Amino acid sequence: MPSAVSLLVAMNPDEPKHRAVFLDRDGTIIREVNYLTSADQIELLPGAADALHLLREAGLLCVVVTNQSAVARGMLTMAQLDRIHAELRRRLRQQQADVDAIYVCPHLPEGTVPEYAIECDCRKPAPGLLLRAAQDLDIDLHASILIGDSLRDVEAGKRAGCKTILLMSRSDVDPADLAKQPPDHVASSILAAARLAVRLWQ
């Protein structure tokens, strides 16, 4: 099952369902590196903190959904990953931003750590992380948006029933694959995507 690394939202059963923005981590909020295994490798992308601040000021939950197969590969533990995410949130708070929850898929069938070397329903493009978050946080998936930088993110969002925004920041997105799995919207940066998301809900 996915792991809720950070869960900050107090639920009230009398309140209506929440609207949320689901965000990929690597290449969306922080610069992508080849298997981030240390907090020293964290580098916030330009505009990321401003984007998260804008979304939360608009009353939207910000939920990170991220594949972290380095755990299954034995490159770091879940405890180390928790510390990385604690440092990520510390740096965001320094810039008046934060996220409401972080959901992680640590699995990879060909991994070397038996506990995590399994088939699962949470590794994107499967929608399991979003479905788990929706249940935990009382999120209306059909009123929510996923922002990510890969077609894997787009597929996960669509399978969960969300609208999707693809960040056109990668050079390895195949046009043929993009035609098969088109996002609902595209944006040039996370800040542009956040502004678009807020406009869509106004």
N, C-alpha and C. Protein backbone atom coordinates (compact mmCIF):
# COMPACT_ATOMS: atom_id res chain seq x y z
N MET A 1 0.84 -1.20 0.00
CA MET A 1 0.00 0.00 0.00
C MET A 1 0.88 1.25 0.00
N PRO A 2 0.39 2.35 -0.60
CA PRO A 2 1.17 3.58 -0.58
C PRO A 2 1.33 4.10 0.84
N SER A 3 2.35 4.89 1.02
CA SER A 3 2.65 5.43 2.34
C SER A 3 2.36 6.92 2.36
N ALA A 4 1.51 7.37 3.29
CA ALA A 4 1.27 8.80 3.46
C ALA A 4 2.39 9.35 4.33
N VAL A 5 3.38 9.95 3.70
CA VAL A 5 4.55 10.44 4.42
C VAL A 5 4.18 11.65 5.25
N SER A 6 3.31 12.48 4.74
CA SER A 6 2.90 13.67 5.46
C SER A 6 1.41 13.84 5.32
N LEU A 7 0.70 13.99 6.43
CA LEU A 7 -0.74 14.13 6.38
C LEU A 7 -1.13 15.21 7.38
N LEU A 8 -1.60 16.36 6.86
CA LEU A 8 -1.74 17.55 7.69
C LEU A 8 -3.16 18.06 7.78
N VAL A 9 -4.10 17.46 7.05
CA VAL A 9 -5.44 18.02 6.94
C VAL A 9 -6.36 17.44 8.01
N ALA A 10 -6.96 18.30 8.80
CA ALA A 10 -7.95 17.87 9.79
C ALA A 10 -9.31 17.75 9.10
N MET A 11 -9.94 16.59 9.20
CA MET A 11 -11.18 16.33 8.48
C MET A 11 -12.39 16.69 9.33
N ASN A 12 -13.42 17.22 8.68
CA ASN A 12 -14.70 17.50 9.30
C ASN A 12 -15.77 16.85 8.45
N PRO A 13 -16.49 15.83 8.96
CA PRO A 13 -17.45 15.11 8.12
C PRO A 13 -18.59 15.97 7.62
N ASP A 14 -18.82 17.12 8.24
CA ASP A 14 -19.91 18.00 7.81
C ASP A 14 -19.52 18.90 6.66
N GLU A 15 -18.23 18.98 6.34
CA GLU A 15 -17.77 19.84 5.26
C GLU A 15 -17.91 19.13 3.92
N PRO A 16 -18.10 19.89 2.83
CA PRO A 16 -18.14 19.26 1.51
C PRO A 16 -16.78 18.70 1.14
N LYS A 17 -16.77 17.86 0.12
CA LYS A 17 -15.51 17.28 -0.32
C LYS A 17 -14.54 18.36 -0.77
N HIS A 18 -13.25 18.07 -0.59
CA HIS A 18 -12.20 19.02 -0.96
C HIS A 18 -11.86 18.92 -2.44
N ARG A 19 -11.43 20.02 -2.99
CA ARG A 19 -10.81 20.03 -4.30
C ARG A 19 -9.30 20.04 -4.08
N ALA A 20 -8.60 19.35 -4.95
CA ALA A 20 -7.16 19.20 -4.73
C ALA A 20 -6.40 19.36 -6.04
N VAL A 21 -5.13 19.70 -5.88
CA VAL A 21 -4.17 19.61 -6.97
C VAL A 21 -3.17 18.52 -6.58
N PHE A 22 -3.12 17.48 -7.39
CA PHE A 22 -2.11 16.44 -7.22
C PHE A 22 -0.89 16.83 -8.02
N LEU A 23 0.28 16.71 -7.41
CA LEU A 23 1.52 17.13 -8.08
C LEU A 23 2.55 16.03 -8.04
N ASP A 24 3.15 15.77 -9.19
CA ASP A 24 4.33 14.94 -9.22
C ASP A 24 5.45 15.67 -8.45
N ARG A 25 6.46 14.93 -8.02
CA ARG A 25 7.56 15.57 -7.28
C ARG A 25 8.73 15.92 -8.17
N ASP A 26 9.39 14.91 -8.75
CA ASP A 26 10.62 15.12 -9.51
C ASP A 26 10.30 15.66 -10.90
N GLY A 27 10.89 16.79 -11.23
CA GLY A 27 10.63 17.42 -12.50
C GLY A 27 9.42 18.34 -12.49
N THR A 28 8.72 18.37 -11.36
CA THR A 28 7.55 19.24 -11.24
C THR A 28 7.75 20.25 -10.12
N ILE A 29 8.08 19.76 -8.92
CA ILE A 29 8.35 20.64 -7.78
C ILE A 29 9.85 20.81 -7.58
N ILE A 30 10.60 19.72 -7.72
CA ILE A 30 12.05 19.79 -7.57
C ILE A 30 12.72 19.30 -8.85
N ARG A 31 13.96 19.71 -9.03
CA ARG A 31 14.70 19.31 -10.22
C ARG A 31 14.93 17.81 -10.18
N GLU A 32 14.74 17.18 -11.32
CA GLU A 32 14.90 15.72 -11.39
C GLU A 32 16.37 15.36 -11.44
N VAL A 33 16.74 14.39 -10.60
CA VAL A 33 18.09 13.81 -10.65
C VAL A 33 17.92 12.31 -10.78
N ASN A 34 19.01 11.64 -11.07
CA ASN A 34 18.95 10.18 -11.25
C ASN A 34 18.92 9.51 -9.88
N TYR A 35 17.69 9.23 -9.40
CA TYR A 35 17.48 8.60 -8.09
C TYR A 35 17.98 9.49 -6.94
N LEU A 36 17.14 10.41 -6.56
CA LEU A 36 17.45 11.29 -5.44
C LEU A 36 17.44 10.46 -4.15
N THR A 37 18.56 10.44 -3.46
CA THR A 37 18.69 9.63 -2.25
C THR A 37 19.18 10.43 -1.05
N SER A 38 19.36 11.75 -1.22
CA SER A 38 19.85 12.59 -0.14
C SER A 38 19.16 13.94 -0.19
N ALA A 39 18.87 14.50 0.97
CA ALA A 39 18.26 15.83 1.03
C ALA A 39 19.16 16.88 0.39
N ASP A 40 20.46 16.61 0.35
CA ASP A 40 21.38 17.56 -0.28
C ASP A 40 21.12 17.73 -1.76
N GLN A 41 20.42 16.77 -2.36
CA GLN A 41 20.14 16.82 -3.79
C GLN A 41 18.87 17.61 -4.13
N ILE A 42 18.13 18.03 -3.11
CA ILE A 42 16.89 18.75 -3.36
C ILE A 42 17.19 20.13 -3.94
N GLU A 43 16.55 20.44 -5.03
CA GLU A 43 16.64 21.77 -5.63
C GLU A 43 15.24 22.16 -6.11
N LEU A 44 14.62 23.10 -5.42
CA LEU A 44 13.30 23.55 -5.84
C LEU A 44 13.37 24.16 -7.23
N LEU A 45 12.41 23.80 -8.07
CA LEU A 45 12.36 24.41 -9.39
C LEU A 45 11.88 25.85 -9.29
N PRO A 46 12.30 26.71 -10.20
CA PRO A 46 11.85 28.11 -10.17
C PRO A 46 10.32 28.19 -10.20
N GLY A 47 9.78 28.97 -9.29
CA GLY A 47 8.34 29.17 -9.24
C GLY A 47 7.58 28.11 -8.47
N ALA A 48 8.24 27.04 -8.02
CA ALA A 48 7.52 25.96 -7.35
C ALA A 48 6.87 26.42 -6.05
N ALA A 49 7.63 27.12 -5.21
CA ALA A 49 7.07 27.59 -3.95
C ALA A 49 5.94 28.59 -4.20
N ASP A 50 6.12 29.49 -5.14
CA ASP A 50 5.06 30.45 -5.46
C ASP A 50 3.81 29.73 -5.96
N ALA A 51 3.99 28.67 -6.75
CA ALA A 51 2.85 27.92 -7.27
C ALA A 51 2.07 27.26 -6.14
N LEU A 52 2.77 26.63 -5.21
CA LEU A 52 2.10 25.96 -4.10
C LEU A 52 1.40 26.98 -3.20
N HIS A 53 2.05 28.11 -2.97
CA HIS A 53 1.42 29.16 -2.16
C HIS A 53 0.13 29.64 -2.83
N LEU A 54 0.17 29.84 -4.13
CA LEU A 54 -1.00 30.31 -4.87
C LEU A 54 -2.14 29.31 -4.78
N LEU A 55 -1.83 28.05 -4.96
CA LEU A 55 -2.87 27.02 -4.93
C LEU A 55 -3.52 26.92 -3.55
N ARG A 56 -2.71 26.93 -2.50
CA ARG A 56 -3.27 26.80 -1.16
C ARG A 56 -4.04 28.06 -0.75
N GLU A 57 -3.59 29.21 -1.20
CA GLU A 57 -4.33 30.45 -0.93
C GLU A 57 -5.70 30.42 -1.61
N ALA A 58 -5.81 29.70 -2.72
CA ALA A 58 -7.09 29.56 -3.42
C ALA A 58 -7.99 28.52 -2.76
N GLY A 59 -7.52 27.90 -1.68
CA GLY A 59 -8.34 26.93 -0.96
C GLY A 59 -8.23 25.51 -1.46
N LEU A 60 -7.20 25.22 -2.22
CA LEU A 60 -7.03 23.89 -2.80
C LEU A 60 -6.00 23.10 -2.01
N LEU A 61 -6.27 21.82 -1.80
CA LEU A 61 -5.27 20.96 -1.19
C LEU A 61 -4.16 20.70 -2.20
N CYS A 62 -2.94 20.63 -1.71
CA CYS A 62 -1.78 20.29 -2.54
C CYS A 62 -1.25 18.94 -2.07
N VAL A 63 -1.37 17.94 -2.93
CA VAL A 63 -1.01 16.57 -2.57
C VAL A 63 0.04 16.06 -3.54
N VAL A 64 1.20 15.72 -3.04
CA VAL A 64 2.26 15.18 -3.87
C VAL A 64 2.03 13.67 -4.02
N VAL A 65 2.14 13.19 -5.27
CA VAL A 65 2.04 11.75 -5.55
C VAL A 65 3.27 11.37 -6.37
N THR A 66 4.10 10.49 -5.82
CA THR A 66 5.42 10.28 -6.42
C THR A 66 5.84 8.81 -6.39
N ASN A 67 6.34 8.33 -7.52
CA ASN A 67 6.99 7.01 -7.58
C ASN A 67 8.41 7.15 -7.06
N GLN A 68 8.78 6.27 -6.13
CA GLN A 68 10.14 6.30 -5.59
C GLN A 68 10.70 4.88 -5.56
N SER A 69 11.03 4.38 -6.75
CA SER A 69 11.50 3.00 -6.84
C SER A 69 12.89 2.82 -6.24
N ALA A 70 13.57 3.90 -5.89
CA ALA A 70 14.88 3.76 -5.23
C ALA A 70 14.75 2.97 -3.93
N VAL A 71 13.57 3.02 -3.32
CA VAL A 71 13.35 2.23 -2.09
C VAL A 71 13.39 0.74 -2.43
N ALA A 72 12.65 0.34 -3.45
CA ALA A 72 12.64 -1.07 -3.85
C ALA A 72 14.01 -1.52 -4.37
N ARG A 73 14.77 -0.57 -4.91
CA ARG A 73 16.09 -0.90 -5.44
C ARG A 73 17.15 -0.98 -4.33
N GLY A 74 16.76 -0.65 -3.09
CA GLY A 74 17.70 -0.71 -1.98
C GLY A 74 18.64 0.47 -1.89
N MET A 75 18.29 1.57 -2.56
CA MET A 75 19.16 2.74 -2.58
C MET A 75 18.90 3.68 -1.41
N LEU A 76 17.72 3.57 -0.80
CA LEU A 76 17.41 4.30 0.42
C LEU A 76 16.23 3.62 1.10
N THR A 77 16.04 3.93 2.38
CA THR A 77 14.95 3.35 3.14
C THR A 77 13.77 4.32 3.19
N MET A 78 12.62 3.83 3.63
CA MET A 78 11.48 4.71 3.80
C MET A 78 11.76 5.77 4.85
N ALA A 79 12.53 5.43 5.88
CA ALA A 79 12.88 6.41 6.90
C ALA A 79 13.73 7.52 6.30
N GLN A 80 14.67 7.16 5.44
CA GLN A 80 15.48 8.18 4.77
C GLN A 80 14.63 9.03 3.83
N LEU A 81 13.68 8.40 3.16
CA LEU A 81 12.78 9.15 2.28
C LEU A 81 11.93 10.11 3.09
N ASP A 82 11.47 9.69 4.25
CA ASP A 82 10.71 10.59 5.12
C ASP A 82 11.53 11.83 5.47
N ARG A 83 12.82 11.62 5.75
CA ARG A 83 13.67 12.76 6.10
C ARG A 83 13.87 13.69 4.90
N ILE A 84 13.98 13.12 3.73
CA ILE A 84 14.08 13.94 2.52
C ILE A 84 12.84 14.80 2.36
N HIS A 85 11.67 14.21 2.58
CA HIS A 85 10.43 14.97 2.43
C HIS A 85 10.25 15.99 3.54
N ALA A 86 10.75 15.69 4.73
CA ALA A 86 10.71 16.69 5.80
C ALA A 86 11.57 17.90 5.43
N GLU A 87 12.71 17.65 4.81
CA GLU A 87 13.58 18.75 4.38
C GLU A 87 12.94 19.52 3.23
N LEU A 88 12.29 18.82 2.32
CA LEU A 88 11.58 19.50 1.24
C LEU A 88 10.53 20.44 1.80
N ARG A 89 9.75 19.98 2.75
CA ARG A 89 8.72 20.82 3.34
C ARG A 89 9.33 21.97 4.13
N ARG A 90 10.46 21.75 4.77
CA ARG A 90 11.12 22.84 5.49
C ARG A 90 11.52 23.95 4.53
N ARG A 91 12.07 23.56 3.40
CA ARG A 91 12.49 24.56 2.42
C ARG A 91 11.29 25.29 1.82
N LEU A 92 10.20 24.57 1.61
CA LEU A 92 9.00 25.24 1.11
C LEU A 92 8.46 26.24 2.13
N ARG A 93 8.44 25.84 3.39
CA ARG A 93 7.93 26.75 4.42
C ARG A 93 8.79 28.01 4.54
N GLN A 94 10.07 27.89 4.26
CA GLN A 94 10.93 29.06 4.26
C GLN A 94 10.48 30.08 3.21
N GLN A 95 9.75 29.62 2.21
CA GLN A 95 9.26 30.50 1.15
C GLN A 95 7.73 30.65 1.21
N GLN A 96 7.17 30.48 2.43
CA GLN A 96 5.74 30.65 2.68
C GLN A 96 4.89 29.72 1.82
N ALA A 97 5.35 28.49 1.66
CA ALA A 97 4.62 27.48 0.90
C ALA A 97 4.66 26.17 1.68
N ASP A 98 3.86 25.21 1.24
CA ASP A 98 3.85 23.89 1.87
C ASP A 98 2.97 22.99 1.02
N VAL A 99 2.94 21.71 1.38
CA VAL A 99 2.00 20.77 0.79
C VAL A 99 1.17 20.16 1.92
N ASP A 100 0.03 19.62 1.56
CA ASP A 100 -0.86 19.06 2.58
C ASP A 100 -0.59 17.59 2.84
N ALA A 101 -0.06 16.89 1.87
CA ALA A 101 0.25 15.47 2.05
C ALA A 101 1.19 15.02 0.96
N ILE A 102 1.96 13.98 1.27
CA ILE A 102 2.85 13.36 0.29
C ILE A 102 2.57 11.86 0.30
N TYR A 103 2.20 11.34 -0.85
CA TYR A 103 1.95 9.91 -1.01
C TYR A 103 3.01 9.32 -1.92
N VAL A 104 3.56 8.18 -1.49
CA VAL A 104 4.71 7.58 -2.15
C VAL A 104 4.39 6.15 -2.58
N CYS A 105 4.80 5.79 -3.79
CA CYS A 105 4.85 4.38 -4.18
C CYS A 105 6.32 3.96 -4.15
N PRO A 106 6.70 3.06 -3.22
CA PRO A 106 8.09 2.61 -3.14
C PRO A 106 8.35 1.33 -3.93
N HIS A 107 7.36 0.86 -4.69
CA HIS A 107 7.41 -0.49 -5.26
C HIS A 107 8.07 -0.53 -6.63
N LEU A 108 8.60 -1.70 -6.96
CA LEU A 108 9.12 -2.00 -8.29
C LEU A 108 9.23 -3.52 -8.36
N PRO A 109 8.51 -4.16 -9.28
CA PRO A 109 8.52 -5.64 -9.32
C PRO A 109 9.92 -6.24 -9.41
N GLU A 110 10.83 -5.58 -10.15
CA GLU A 110 12.18 -6.11 -10.29
C GLU A 110 13.14 -5.55 -9.24
N GLY A 111 12.62 -4.96 -8.17
CA GLY A 111 13.46 -4.42 -7.12
C GLY A 111 14.23 -5.49 -6.37
N THR A 112 15.15 -5.06 -5.52
CA THR A 112 16.01 -6.00 -4.78
C THR A 112 15.59 -6.14 -3.32
N VAL A 113 14.65 -5.30 -2.86
CA VAL A 113 14.16 -5.39 -1.48
C VAL A 113 12.83 -6.14 -1.52
N PRO A 114 12.79 -7.36 -1.01
CA PRO A 114 11.60 -8.19 -1.18
C PRO A 114 10.29 -7.53 -0.75
N GLU A 115 10.33 -6.76 0.32
CA GLU A 115 9.11 -6.12 0.81
C GLU A 115 8.48 -5.21 -0.23
N TYR A 116 9.31 -4.63 -1.09
CA TYR A 116 8.82 -3.65 -2.06
C TYR A 116 8.91 -4.14 -3.51
N ALA A 117 9.47 -5.31 -3.72
CA ALA A 117 9.62 -5.85 -5.07
C ALA A 117 8.34 -6.59 -5.46
N ILE A 118 7.26 -5.82 -5.64
CA ILE A 118 5.95 -6.41 -5.89
C ILE A 118 5.20 -5.60 -6.96
N GLU A 119 4.22 -6.27 -7.57
CA GLU A 119 3.25 -5.56 -8.39
C GLU A 119 2.31 -4.82 -7.44
N CYS A 120 1.92 -3.61 -7.81
CA CYS A 120 1.07 -2.82 -6.93
C CYS A 120 0.06 -2.05 -7.76
N ASP A 121 -0.85 -1.37 -7.08
CA ASP A 121 -1.84 -0.54 -7.77
C ASP A 121 -1.56 0.94 -7.57
N CYS A 122 -0.35 1.25 -7.06
CA CYS A 122 -0.07 2.65 -6.73
C CYS A 122 1.07 3.25 -7.54
N ARG A 123 1.79 2.44 -8.29
CA ARG A 123 2.89 2.99 -9.09
C ARG A 123 2.29 3.63 -10.35
N LYS A 124 2.46 4.94 -10.47
CA LYS A 124 1.96 5.62 -11.66
C LYS A 124 2.57 4.98 -12.91
N PRO A 125 1.76 4.70 -13.94
CA PRO A 125 0.48 5.34 -14.27
C PRO A 125 -0.77 4.76 -13.61
N ALA A 126 -0.62 3.77 -12.73
CA ALA A 126 -1.79 3.33 -11.98
C ALA A 126 -2.27 4.48 -11.08
N PRO A 127 -3.57 4.54 -10.79
CA PRO A 127 -4.11 5.68 -10.04
C PRO A 127 -4.16 5.50 -8.54
N GLY A 128 -3.53 4.45 -8.02
CA GLY A 128 -3.72 4.10 -6.61
C GLY A 128 -3.37 5.19 -5.61
N LEU A 129 -2.30 5.95 -5.86
CA LEU A 129 -1.94 7.01 -4.92
C LEU A 129 -3.03 8.06 -4.84
N LEU A 130 -3.61 8.42 -5.98
CA LEU A 130 -4.66 9.43 -5.99
C LEU A 130 -5.93 8.91 -5.32
N LEU A 131 -6.25 7.64 -5.57
CA LEU A 131 -7.44 7.06 -4.97
C LEU A 131 -7.31 6.97 -3.45
N ARG A 132 -6.11 6.61 -2.99
CA ARG A 132 -5.88 6.54 -1.54
C ARG A 132 -5.99 7.93 -0.92
N ALA A 133 -5.41 8.92 -1.55
CA ALA A 133 -5.48 10.29 -1.03
C ALA A 133 -6.92 10.78 -1.00
N ALA A 134 -7.67 10.46 -2.05
CA ALA A 134 -9.07 10.90 -2.10
C ALA A 134 -9.87 10.31 -0.95
N GLN A 135 -9.60 9.07 -0.62
CA GLN A 135 -10.30 8.43 0.50
C GLN A 135 -9.86 9.03 1.83
N ASP A 136 -8.57 9.21 2.00
CA ASP A 136 -8.04 9.73 3.26
C ASP A 136 -8.47 11.18 3.52
N LEU A 137 -8.47 11.99 2.46
CA LEU A 137 -8.63 13.43 2.61
C LEU A 137 -9.99 13.94 2.14
N ASP A 138 -10.88 13.02 1.78
CA ASP A 138 -12.22 13.40 1.34
C ASP A 138 -12.15 14.35 0.14
N ILE A 139 -11.45 13.91 -0.90
CA ILE A 139 -11.23 14.71 -2.10
C ILE A 139 -12.21 14.30 -3.19
N ASP A 140 -12.77 15.29 -3.85
CA ASP A 140 -13.60 15.07 -5.03
C ASP A 140 -12.65 14.99 -6.23
N LEU A 141 -12.39 13.78 -6.72
CA LEU A 141 -11.43 13.60 -7.79
C LEU A 141 -11.87 14.29 -9.08
N HIS A 142 -13.17 14.31 -9.33
CA HIS A 142 -13.66 14.90 -10.57
C HIS A 142 -13.59 16.43 -10.54
N ALA A 143 -13.36 17.00 -9.38
CA ALA A 143 -13.18 18.45 -9.26
C ALA A 143 -11.72 18.80 -9.01
N SER A 144 -10.83 17.85 -9.25
CA SER A 144 -9.41 18.03 -8.94
C SER A 144 -8.57 17.95 -10.21
N ILE A 145 -7.33 18.35 -10.08
CA ILE A 145 -6.40 18.42 -11.21
C ILE A 145 -5.08 17.77 -10.82
N LEU A 146 -4.48 17.09 -11.78
CA LEU A 146 -3.12 16.58 -11.59
C LEU A 146 -2.17 17.38 -12.46
N ILE A 147 -1.04 17.80 -11.87
CA ILE A 147 0.03 18.49 -12.60
C ILE A 147 1.27 17.61 -12.56
N GLY A 148 1.81 17.30 -13.73
CA GLY A 148 3.01 16.49 -13.79
C GLY A 148 3.77 16.75 -15.07
N ASP A 149 4.97 16.18 -15.14
CA ASP A 149 5.82 16.43 -16.30
C ASP A 149 5.97 15.23 -17.21
N SER A 150 5.19 14.17 -16.98
CA SER A 150 5.31 12.98 -17.83
C SER A 150 3.93 12.46 -18.19
N LEU A 151 3.88 11.67 -19.27
CA LEU A 151 2.62 11.07 -19.67
C LEU A 151 2.17 10.01 -18.67
N ARG A 152 3.10 9.49 -17.88
CA ARG A 152 2.73 8.59 -16.78
C ARG A 152 1.84 9.32 -15.78
N ASP A 153 2.18 10.57 -15.49
CA ASP A 153 1.36 11.37 -14.60
C ASP A 153 -0.02 11.63 -15.20
N VAL A 154 -0.02 11.98 -16.48
CA VAL A 154 -1.28 12.27 -17.16
C VAL A 154 -2.21 11.06 -17.11
N GLU A 155 -1.67 9.88 -17.40
CA GLU A 155 -2.50 8.68 -17.38
C GLU A 155 -3.05 8.40 -15.99
N ALA A 156 -2.21 8.55 -14.97
CA ALA A 156 -2.69 8.32 -13.60
C ALA A 156 -3.82 9.28 -13.25
N GLY A 157 -3.65 10.56 -13.61
CA GLY A 157 -4.70 11.53 -13.34
C GLY A 157 -5.99 11.21 -14.04
N LYS A 158 -5.90 10.85 -15.31
CA LYS A 158 -7.11 10.53 -16.07
C LYS A 158 -7.80 9.29 -15.52
N ARG A 159 -7.03 8.29 -15.16
CA ARG A 159 -7.62 7.05 -14.63
C ARG A 159 -8.30 7.29 -13.29
N ALA A 160 -7.85 8.32 -12.56
CA ALA A 160 -8.49 8.66 -11.29
C ALA A 160 -9.69 9.58 -11.47
N GLY A 161 -9.88 10.10 -12.68
CA GLY A 161 -11.02 10.98 -12.94
C GLY A 161 -10.71 12.46 -12.83
N CYS A 162 -9.42 12.82 -12.76
CA CYS A 162 -9.02 14.22 -12.63
C CYS A 162 -8.80 14.86 -13.99
N LYS A 163 -8.85 16.18 -14.02
CA LYS A 163 -8.31 16.92 -15.15
C LYS A 163 -6.79 16.90 -15.03
N THR A 164 -6.10 17.10 -16.13
CA THR A 164 -4.65 16.98 -16.12
C THR A 164 -3.99 18.16 -16.81
N ILE A 165 -2.83 18.56 -16.26
CA ILE A 165 -1.99 19.59 -16.87
C ILE A 165 -0.59 19.00 -17.01
N LEU A 166 -0.10 18.96 -18.23
CA LEU A 166 1.24 18.44 -18.50
C LEU A 166 2.21 19.61 -18.61
N LEU A 167 3.29 19.54 -17.83
CA LEU A 167 4.36 20.52 -17.94
C LEU A 167 5.22 20.16 -19.14
N MET A 168 5.32 21.07 -20.07
CA MET A 168 6.08 20.80 -21.29
C MET A 168 7.55 21.16 -21.09
N SER A 169 8.14 20.54 -20.09
CA SER A 169 9.53 20.85 -19.74
C SER A 169 10.48 19.72 -20.08
N ARG A 170 9.94 18.58 -20.52
CA ARG A 170 10.79 17.44 -20.85
C ARG A 170 11.01 17.37 -22.35
N SER A 171 12.18 16.90 -22.73
CA SER A 171 12.48 16.75 -24.14
C SER A 171 12.24 15.33 -24.64
N ASP A 172 11.84 14.42 -23.72
CA ASP A 172 11.71 13.02 -24.10
C ASP A 172 10.26 12.58 -24.25
N VAL A 173 9.31 13.52 -24.32
CA VAL A 173 7.92 13.16 -24.52
C VAL A 173 7.72 12.90 -26.01
N ASP A 174 7.37 11.66 -26.34
CA ASP A 174 7.19 11.27 -27.73
C ASP A 174 5.88 11.86 -28.26
N PRO A 175 5.93 12.59 -29.37
CA PRO A 175 4.69 13.19 -29.91
C PRO A 175 3.61 12.15 -30.20
N ALA A 176 4.01 10.96 -30.65
CA ALA A 176 3.02 9.91 -30.91
C ALA A 176 2.35 9.47 -29.62
N ASP A 177 3.14 9.31 -28.55
CA ASP A 177 2.57 8.94 -27.26
C ASP A 177 1.69 10.07 -26.73
N LEU A 178 2.10 11.31 -26.96
CA LEU A 178 1.31 12.45 -26.51
C LEU A 178 -0.05 12.47 -27.21
N ALA A 179 -0.07 12.10 -28.47
CA ALA A 179 -1.34 12.06 -29.21
C ALA A 179 -2.26 10.97 -28.68
N LYS A 180 -1.67 9.87 -28.19
CA LYS A 180 -2.47 8.78 -27.64
C LYS A 180 -3.00 9.10 -26.25
N GLN A 181 -2.25 9.90 -25.48
CA GLN A 181 -2.61 10.19 -24.09
C GLN A 181 -2.54 11.70 -23.88
N PRO A 182 -3.38 12.46 -24.57
CA PRO A 182 -3.27 13.92 -24.46
C PRO A 182 -3.76 14.43 -23.11
N PRO A 183 -3.05 15.38 -22.53
CA PRO A 183 -3.54 16.00 -21.30
C PRO A 183 -4.69 16.94 -21.62
N ASP A 184 -5.40 17.35 -20.60
CA ASP A 184 -6.47 18.33 -20.81
C ASP A 184 -5.90 19.70 -21.11
N HIS A 185 -4.75 20.00 -20.51
CA HIS A 185 -4.10 21.29 -20.71
C HIS A 185 -2.59 21.09 -20.67
N VAL A 186 -1.85 22.04 -21.20
CA VAL A 186 -0.40 22.05 -21.08
C VAL A 186 0.03 23.38 -20.50
N ALA A 187 1.21 23.40 -19.88
CA ALA A 187 1.75 24.62 -19.30
C ALA A 187 3.26 24.58 -19.42
N SER A 188 3.87 25.75 -19.43
CA SER A 188 5.31 25.84 -19.62
C SER A 188 6.09 25.69 -18.31
N SER A 189 5.41 25.83 -17.17
CA SER A 189 6.09 25.76 -15.87
C SER A 189 5.06 25.43 -14.81
N ILE A 190 5.53 25.09 -13.62
CA ILE A 190 4.61 24.78 -12.53
C ILE A 190 3.83 26.02 -12.12
N LEU A 191 4.46 27.19 -12.17
CA LEU A 191 3.73 28.41 -11.80
C LEU A 191 2.64 28.71 -12.82
N ALA A 192 2.94 28.53 -14.10
CA ALA A 192 1.91 28.72 -15.12
C ALA A 192 0.79 27.71 -14.94
N ALA A 193 1.12 26.48 -14.58
CA ALA A 193 0.11 25.46 -14.35
C ALA A 193 -0.77 25.81 -13.16
N ALA A 194 -0.17 26.34 -12.09
CA ALA A 194 -0.94 26.72 -10.91
C ALA A 194 -1.90 27.85 -11.24
N ARG A 195 -1.43 28.83 -11.99
CA ARG A 195 -2.31 29.94 -12.38
C ARG A 195 -3.47 29.44 -13.22
N LEU A 196 -3.19 28.49 -14.11
CA LEU A 196 -4.23 27.91 -14.93
C LEU A 196 -5.24 27.15 -14.07
N ALA A 197 -4.75 26.37 -13.13
CA ALA A 197 -5.63 25.60 -12.25
C ALA A 197 -6.57 26.52 -11.47
N VAL A 198 -6.04 27.61 -10.96
CA VAL A 198 -6.89 28.55 -10.19
C VAL A 198 -7.95 29.16 -11.09
N ARG A 199 -7.57 29.50 -12.32
CA ARG A 199 -8.55 30.07 -13.26
C ARG A 199 -9.65 29.07 -13.58
N LEU A 200 -9.28 27.82 -13.72
CA LEU A 200 -10.27 26.79 -14.05
C LEU A 200 -11.31 26.63 -12.97
N TRP A 201 -10.96 26.95 -11.73
CA TRP A 201 -11.90 26.77 -10.62
C TRP A 201 -12.65 28.05 -10.26
N GLN A 202 -12.33 29.15 -10.85
CA GLN A 202 -13.00 30.39 -10.50
C GLN A 202 -14.38 30.45 -11.14
